[in-house]
Every structure is written in C-alpha cells, then in structure tokens.
Amino acid sequence: MLQFGGKCHSECIPTERALELERLRSAYFEAMEGFNALEHALQRGYVTLSA
C-alpha cells in the first residue's frame, strides 16, 4: 500500500487508489476494534477460548 505514495512522488494519488486505501483503512480499524473487544471480554472472563 505504501507503494502508491512512492510511485507518485509529488503527484496526487488517483481517486481509485485513494478509495481502495480508505476501504482497507476502514477494515483495519474495524478489525482492531473487534480484537480489542475480544481481548476485553477474555480479560473479564465473559468468554473463553478452547483449542
């Protein structure tokens, strides 16, 4: 993903690429929120994981 900025130097990133980055950024933050919620639930003992 960081290749986008390196290839364009001082030029603008194409809209298509910017929208893809926005989608990926949103998915990343959703995953982080889910992980944090799971970690909180595990620490409180609300849920357990079994192998």
PDB file of N, CA and C in Angstrom:
ATOM      1  N   MET A   1       0.808  -1.188   0.000  1.00  0.00           N
ATOM      2  CA  MET A   1       0.000   0.000   0.000  1.00  0.00           C
ATOM      3  C   MET A   1       0.860   1.263   0.000  1.00  0.00           C
ATOM      4  N   LEU A   2       1.995   1.199   0.660  1.00  0.00           N
ATOM      5  CA  LEU A   2       2.856   2.382   0.696  1.00  0.00           C
ATOM      6  C   LEU A   2       3.484   2.664  -0.661  1.00  0.00           C
ATOM      7  N   GLN A   3       3.416   1.728  -1.567  1.00  0.00           N
ATOM      8  CA  GLN A   3       3.953   1.930  -2.907  1.00  0.00           C
ATOM      9  C   GLN A   3       3.210   3.031  -3.633  1.00  0.00           C
ATOM     10  N   PHE A   4       1.940   3.235  -3.314  1.00  0.00           N
ATOM     11  CA  PHE A   4       1.162   4.265  -4.002  1.00  0.00           C
ATOM     12  C   PHE A   4       1.824   5.625  -3.873  1.00  0.00           C
ATOM     13  N   GLY A   5       2.206   5.983  -2.660  1.00  0.00           N
ATOM     14  CA  GLY A   5       2.828   7.282  -2.429  1.00  0.00           C
ATOM     15  C   GLY A   5       4.204   7.368  -3.038  1.00  0.00           C
ATOM     16  N   GLY A   6       4.968   6.291  -2.986  1.00  0.00           N
ATOM     17  CA  GLY A   6       6.316   6.301  -3.528  1.00  0.00           C
ATOM     18  C   GLY A   6       6.351   6.445  -5.031  1.00  0.00           C
ATOM     19  N   LYS A   7       5.381   5.892  -5.718  1.00  0.00           N
ATOM     20  CA  LYS A   7       5.348   5.945  -7.175  1.00  0.00           C
ATOM     21  C   LYS A   7       4.903   7.296  -7.705  1.00  0.00           C
ATOM     22  N   CYS A   8       4.084   8.002  -6.951  1.00  0.00           N
ATOM     23  CA  CYS A   8       3.521   9.239  -7.484  1.00  0.00           C
ATOM     24  C   CYS A   8       4.348  10.468  -7.127  1.00  0.00           C
ATOM     25  N   HIS A   9       5.294  10.336  -6.203  1.00  0.00           N
ATOM     26  CA  HIS A   9       6.153  11.446  -5.770  1.00  0.00           C
ATOM     27  C   HIS A   9       5.297  12.622  -5.327  1.00  0.00           C
ATOM     28  N   SER A  10       5.306  13.711  -6.070  1.00  0.00           N
ATOM     29  CA  SER A  10       4.538  14.882  -5.636  1.00  0.00           C
ATOM     30  C   SER A  10       3.173  14.951  -6.318  1.00  0.00           C
ATOM     31  N   GLU A  11       2.872  13.994  -7.171  1.00  0.00           N
ATOM     32  CA  GLU A  11       1.587  13.983  -7.859  1.00  0.00           C
ATOM     33  C   GLU A  11       0.494  13.460  -6.924  1.00  0.00           C
ATOM     34  N   CYS A  12      -0.726  13.733  -7.267  1.00  0.00           N
ATOM     35  CA  CYS A  12      -1.862  13.250  -6.471  1.00  0.00           C
ATOM     36  C   CYS A  12      -2.075  11.760  -6.702  1.00  0.00           C
ATOM     37  N   ILE A  13      -2.556  11.091  -5.686  1.00  0.00           N
ATOM     38  CA  ILE A  13      -2.921   9.683  -5.803  1.00  0.00           C
ATOM     39  C   ILE A  13      -4.252   9.617  -6.553  1.00  0.00           C
ATOM     40  N   PRO A  14      -4.368   8.733  -7.532  1.00  0.00           N
ATOM     41  CA  PRO A  14      -5.634   8.618  -8.273  1.00  0.00           C
ATOM     42  C   PRO A  14      -6.800   8.299  -7.325  1.00  0.00           C
ATOM     43  N   THR A  15      -7.961   8.783  -7.661  1.00  0.00           N
ATOM     44  CA  THR A  15      -9.155   8.581  -6.841  1.00  0.00           C
ATOM     45  C   THR A  15      -9.409   7.110  -6.570  1.00  0.00           C
ATOM     46  N   GLU A  16      -9.226   6.275  -7.581  1.00  0.00           N
ATOM     47  CA  GLU A  16      -9.444   4.833  -7.423  1.00  0.00           C
ATOM     48  C   GLU A  16      -8.548   4.264  -6.327  1.00  0.00           C
ATOM     49  N   ARG A  17      -7.306   4.674  -6.308  1.00  0.00           N
ATOM     50  CA  ARG A  17      -6.360   4.192  -5.293  1.00  0.00           C
ATOM     51  C   ARG A  17      -6.720   4.734  -3.917  1.00  0.00           C
ATOM     52  N   ALA A  18      -7.116   5.985  -3.855  1.00  0.00           N
ATOM     53  CA  ALA A  18      -7.493   6.594  -2.581  1.00  0.00           C
ATOM     54  C   ALA A  18      -8.704   5.888  -1.978  1.00  0.00           C
ATOM     55  N   LEU A  19      -9.666   5.535  -2.817  1.00  0.00           N
ATOM     56  CA  LEU A  19     -10.844   4.832  -2.329  1.00  0.00           C
ATOM     57  C   LEU A  19     -10.474   3.438  -1.834  1.00  0.00           C
ATOM     58  N   GLU A  20      -9.530   2.780  -2.506  1.00  0.00           N
ATOM     59  CA  GLU A  20      -9.075   1.469  -2.055  1.00  0.00           C
ATOM     60  C   GLU A  20      -8.370   1.590  -0.706  1.00  0.00           C
ATOM     61  N   LEU A  21      -7.546   2.612  -0.544  1.00  0.00           N
ATOM     62  CA  LEU A  21      -6.879   2.827   0.738  1.00  0.00           C
ATOM     63  C   LEU A  21      -7.886   3.115   1.847  1.00  0.00           C
ATOM     64  N   GLU A  22      -8.912   3.882   1.526  1.00  0.00           N
ATOM     65  CA  GLU A  22      -9.951   4.182   2.510  1.00  0.00           C
ATOM     66  C   GLU A  22     -10.660   2.908   2.954  1.00  0.00           C
ATOM     67  N   ARG A  23     -10.966   2.032   2.000  1.00  0.00           N
ATOM     68  CA  ARG A  23     -11.637   0.769   2.300  1.00  0.00           C
ATOM     69  C   ARG A  23     -10.758  -0.105   3.188  1.00  0.00           C
ATOM     70  N   LEU A  24      -9.475  -0.187   2.851  1.00  0.00           N
ATOM     71  CA  LEU A  24      -8.557  -1.003   3.639  1.00  0.00           C
ATOM     72  C   LEU A  24      -8.335  -0.417   5.031  1.00  0.00           C
ATOM     73  N   ARG A  25      -8.259   0.885   5.124  1.00  0.00           N
ATOM     74  CA  ARG A  25      -8.082   1.550   6.425  1.00  0.00           C
ATOM     75  C   ARG A  25      -9.296   1.290   7.310  1.00  0.00           C
ATOM     76  N   SER A  26     -10.475   1.375   6.728  1.00  0.00           N
ATOM     77  CA  SER A  26     -11.699   1.126   7.476  1.00  0.00           C
ATOM     78  C   SER A  26     -11.729  -0.321   7.981  1.00  0.00           C
ATOM     79  N   ALA A  27     -11.360  -1.263   7.124  1.00  0.00           N
ATOM     80  CA  ALA A  27     -11.339  -2.671   7.524  1.00  0.00           C
ATOM     81  C   ALA A  27     -10.327  -2.904   8.634  1.00  0.00           C
ATOM     82  N   TYR A  28      -9.185  -2.236   8.555  1.00  0.00           N
ATOM     83  CA  TYR A  28      -8.155  -2.370   9.587  1.00  0.00           C
ATOM     84  C   TYR A  28      -8.685  -1.897  10.938  1.00  0.00           C
ATOM     85  N   PHE A  29      -9.317  -0.730  10.955  1.00  0.00           N
ATOM     86  CA  PHE A  29      -9.818  -0.200  12.221  1.00  0.00           C
ATOM     87  C   PHE A  29     -10.976  -1.038  12.775  1.00  0.00           C
ATOM     88  N   GLU A  30     -11.814  -1.582  11.906  1.00  0.00           N
ATOM     89  CA  GLU A  30     -12.874  -2.481  12.368  1.00  0.00           C
ATOM     90  C   GLU A  30     -12.274  -3.727  13.006  1.00  0.00           C
ATOM     91  N   ALA A  31     -11.227  -4.262  12.393  1.00  0.00           N
ATOM     92  CA  ALA A  31     -10.562  -5.442  12.950  1.00  0.00           C
ATOM     93  C   ALA A  31      -9.930  -5.128  14.296  1.00  0.00           C
ATOM     94  N   MET A  32      -9.315  -3.969  14.412  1.00  0.00           N
ATOM     95  CA  MET A  32      -8.701  -3.571  15.680  1.00  0.00           C
ATOM     96  C   MET A  32      -9.752  -3.410  16.778  1.00  0.00           C
ATOM     97  N   GLU A  33     -10.885  -2.821  16.449  1.00  0.00           N
ATOM     98  CA  GLU A  33     -11.958  -2.671  17.432  1.00  0.00           C
ATOM     99  C   GLU A  33     -12.475  -4.037  17.874  1.00  0.00           C
ATOM    100  N   GLY A  34     -12.628  -4.951  16.923  1.00  0.00           N
ATOM    101  CA  GLY A  34     -13.081  -6.294  17.258  1.00  0.00           C
ATOM    102  C   GLY A  34     -12.081  -7.026  18.141  1.00  0.00           C
ATOM    103  N   PHE A  35     -10.804  -6.893  17.833  1.00  0.00           N
ATOM    104  CA  PHE A  35      -9.771  -7.524  18.642  1.00  0.00           C
ATOM    105  C   PHE A  35      -9.771  -6.952  20.053  1.00  0.00           C
ATOM    106  N   ASN A  36      -9.881  -5.640  20.166  1.00  0.00           N
ATOM    107  CA  ASN A  36      -9.901  -5.014  21.486  1.00  0.00           C
ATOM    108  C   ASN A  36     -11.112  -5.469  22.303  1.00  0.00           C
ATOM    109  N   ALA A  37     -12.261  -5.602  21.651  1.00  0.00           N
ATOM    110  CA  ALA A  37     -13.462  -6.075  22.349  1.00  0.00           C
ATOM    111  C   ALA A  37     -13.287  -7.522  22.809  1.00  0.00           C
ATOM    112  N   LEU A  38     -12.702  -8.350  21.951  1.00  0.00           N
ATOM    113  CA  LEU A  38     -12.460  -9.741  22.325  1.00  0.00           C
ATOM    114  C   LEU A  38     -11.468  -9.834  23.478  1.00  0.00           C
ATOM    115  N   GLU A  39     -10.410  -9.055  23.395  1.00  0.00           N
ATOM    116  CA  GLU A  39      -9.409  -9.053  24.465  1.00  0.00           C
ATOM    117  C   GLU A  39     -10.035  -8.621  25.797  1.00  0.00           C
ATOM    118  N   HIS A  40     -10.871  -7.609  25.760  1.00  0.00           N
ATOM    119  CA  HIS A  40     -11.562  -7.130  26.957  1.00  0.00           C
ATOM    120  C   HIS A  40     -12.456  -8.235  27.539  1.00  0.00           C
ATOM    121  N   ALA A  41     -13.220  -8.891  26.665  1.00  0.00           N
ATOM    122  CA  ALA A  41     -14.112  -9.959  27.120  1.00  0.00           C
ATOM    123  C   ALA A  41     -13.328 -11.122  27.717  1.00  0.00           C
ATOM    124  N   LEU A  42     -12.193 -11.461  27.121  1.00  0.00           N
ATOM    125  CA  LEU A  42     -11.357 -12.529  27.657  1.00  0.00           C
ATOM    126  C   LEU A  42     -10.798 -12.161  29.032  1.00  0.00           C
ATOM    127  N   GLN A  43     -10.327 -10.931  29.162  1.00  0.00           N
ATOM    128  CA  GLN A  43      -9.755 -10.480  30.440  1.00  0.00           C
ATOM    129  C   GLN A  43     -10.803 -10.470  31.543  1.00  0.00           C
ATOM    130  N   ARG A  44     -12.030 -10.142  31.208  1.00  0.00           N
ATOM    131  CA  ARG A  44     -13.110 -10.098  32.198  1.00  0.00           C
ATOM    132  C   ARG A  44     -13.714 -11.466  32.473  1.00  0.00           C
ATOM    133  N   GLY A  45     -13.360 -12.441  31.657  1.00  0.00           N
ATOM    134  CA  GLY A  45     -13.897 -13.781  31.845  1.00  0.00           C
ATOM    135  C   GLY A  45     -15.268 -13.986  31.239  1.00  0.00           C
ATOM    136  N   TYR A  46     -15.700 -13.074  30.381  1.00  0.00           N
ATOM    137  CA  TYR A  46     -17.025 -13.206  29.752  1.00  0.00           C
ATOM    138  C   TYR A  46     -17.036 -14.350  28.743  1.00  0.00           C
ATOM    139  N   VAL A  47     -15.892 -14.611  28.128  1.00  0.00           N
ATOM    140  CA  VAL A  47     -15.772 -15.692  27.152  1.00  0.00           C
ATOM    141  C   VAL A  47     -14.453 -16.420  27.397  1.00  0.00           C
ATOM    142  N   THR A  48     -14.364 -17.635  26.908  1.00  0.00           N
ATOM    143  CA  THR A  48     -13.125 -18.399  26.988  1.00  0.00           C
ATOM    144  C   THR A  48     -12.825 -18.980  25.613  1.00  0.00           C
ATOM    145  N   LEU A  49     -11.573 -19.198  25.355  1.00  0.00           N
ATOM    146  CA  LEU A  49     -11.154 -19.836  24.104  1.00  0.00           C
ATOM    147  C   LEU A  49     -10.673 -21.234  24.424  1.00  0.00           C
ATOM    148  N   SER A  50     -11.048 -22.168  23.598  1.00  0.00           N
ATOM    149  CA  SER A  50     -10.579 -23.543  23.792  1.00  0.00           C
ATOM    150  C   SER A  50      -9.937 -24.017  22.491  1.00  0.00           C
ATOM    151  N   ALA A  51      -8.964 -24.886  22.660  1.00  0.00           N
ATOM    152  CA  ALA A  51      -8.236 -25.393  21.485  1.00  0.00           C
ATOM    153  C   ALA A  51      -8.918 -26.586  20.892  1.00  0.00           C
TER     154      ALA A  51
END
